[in-house]
Amino acid sequence: MIRASSYDCILLDLKMPGISGEEVHERTRSRDLRVADRIVFMNGDIPRPETAAFLSGLSNTVLNKPFTLDEVRELIKTVTEER
């Protein structure tokens, strides 16, 4: 799906059934680095050491749960303006 479209911003949960946010990011990055840079990771847990290391190597924003709709709007605005 990601390769079939262009996205201004992607909100991506780190924990999903069947695939991790890390894997989705890596697959996206291998196809289009610009789109991968516009991924905002969402997290509701204390990250595992491996996840923390993964995130520390990226410039992507992490949005910690719980968050407000206003926070999401502002973040999307920021990400799309940087585009």
Protein backbone atom coordinates (compact mmCIF):
# COMPACT_ATOMS: atom_id res chain seq x y z
CA MET A 1 0.00 0.00 0.00
CA ILE A 2 2.74 2.48 0.89
CA ARG A 3 4.49 1.98 -2.42
CA ALA A 4 1.28 2.59 -4.37
CA SER A 5 0.69 6.09 -3.01
CA SER A 6 2.39 9.25 -1.89
CA TYR A 7 1.99 10.37 1.72
CA ASP A 8 2.56 13.69 3.46
CA CYS A 9 2.70 12.08 6.91
CA ILE A 10 2.30 8.55 8.26
CA LEU A 11 1.26 7.86 11.86
CA LEU A 12 2.71 4.44 12.63
CA ASP A 13 2.27 2.49 15.84
CA LEU A 14 5.37 0.66 16.99
CA LYS A 15 3.33 -2.35 18.13
CA MET A 16 0.92 -3.87 15.64
CA PRO A 17 -0.35 -7.39 15.13
CA GLY A 18 1.75 -9.33 12.66
CA ILE A 19 4.39 -6.68 11.95
CA SER A 20 6.34 -4.14 13.95
CA GLY A 21 6.55 -0.44 13.25
CA GLU A 22 10.28 -0.94 12.86
CA GLU A 23 9.75 -3.40 10.03
CA VAL A 24 7.22 -1.16 8.27
CA HIS A 25 9.71 1.71 8.53
CA GLU A 26 12.54 -0.39 7.09
CA ARG A 27 10.38 -1.59 4.20
CA THR A 28 9.25 1.96 3.50
CA ARG A 29 12.80 3.27 3.74
CA SER A 30 14.02 0.72 1.20
CA ARG A 31 11.43 2.00 -1.28
CA ASP A 32 11.36 5.74 -0.58
CA LEU A 33 13.58 7.48 1.97
CA ARG A 34 11.54 10.70 1.74
CA VAL A 35 8.37 8.92 2.82
CA ALA A 36 10.20 7.09 5.63
CA ASP A 37 11.37 10.45 6.97
CA ARG A 38 7.71 11.53 7.29
CA ILE A 39 6.76 8.63 9.56
CA VAL A 40 5.69 9.60 13.07
CA PHE A 41 5.96 6.67 15.45
CA MET A 42 3.30 6.22 18.12
CA ASN A 43 4.18 4.43 21.32
CA GLY A 44 2.18 3.45 24.37
CA ASP A 45 4.79 1.43 26.26
CA ILE A 46 8.26 1.78 27.64
CA PRO A 47 10.35 0.81 24.61
CA ARG A 48 12.44 -2.35 24.70
CA PRO A 49 16.19 -1.65 24.54
CA GLU A 50 16.21 -2.73 20.87
CA THR A 51 13.35 -0.36 20.04
CA ALA A 52 15.00 2.50 21.92
CA ALA A 53 18.23 1.90 19.97
CA PHE A 54 16.30 1.81 16.69
CA LEU A 55 14.51 5.10 17.45
CA SER A 56 17.67 6.84 18.66
CA GLY A 57 19.22 6.27 15.23
CA LEU A 58 16.39 8.11 13.46
CA SER A 59 15.30 11.71 13.16
CA ASN A 60 11.62 10.70 13.16
CA THR A 61 9.30 12.03 15.83
CA VAL A 62 7.85 9.72 18.47
CA LEU A 63 4.37 10.55 19.76
CA ASN A 64 3.80 8.98 23.16
CA LYS A 65 0.35 7.81 24.17
CA PRO A 66 -1.90 9.14 25.47
CA PHE A 67 -1.92 12.18 23.22
CA THR A 68 -4.49 14.79 22.33
CA LEU A 69 -5.99 15.53 18.95
CA ASP A 70 -4.41 18.99 19.12
CA GLU A 71 -0.97 17.39 19.55
CA VAL A 72 -1.59 15.21 16.49
CA ARG A 73 -2.75 18.16 14.41
CA GLU A 74 0.29 20.24 15.37
CA LEU A 75 2.65 17.38 14.66
CA ILE A 76 1.13 16.69 11.24
CA LYS A 77 1.38 20.39 10.43
CA THR A 78 5.06 20.40 11.42
CA VAL A 79 5.90 17.26 9.44
CA THR A 80 4.10 18.44 6.31
CA GLU A 81 5.67 21.91 6.47
CA GLU A 82 9.14 20.34 6.59
CA ARG A 83 8.30 18.55 3.36
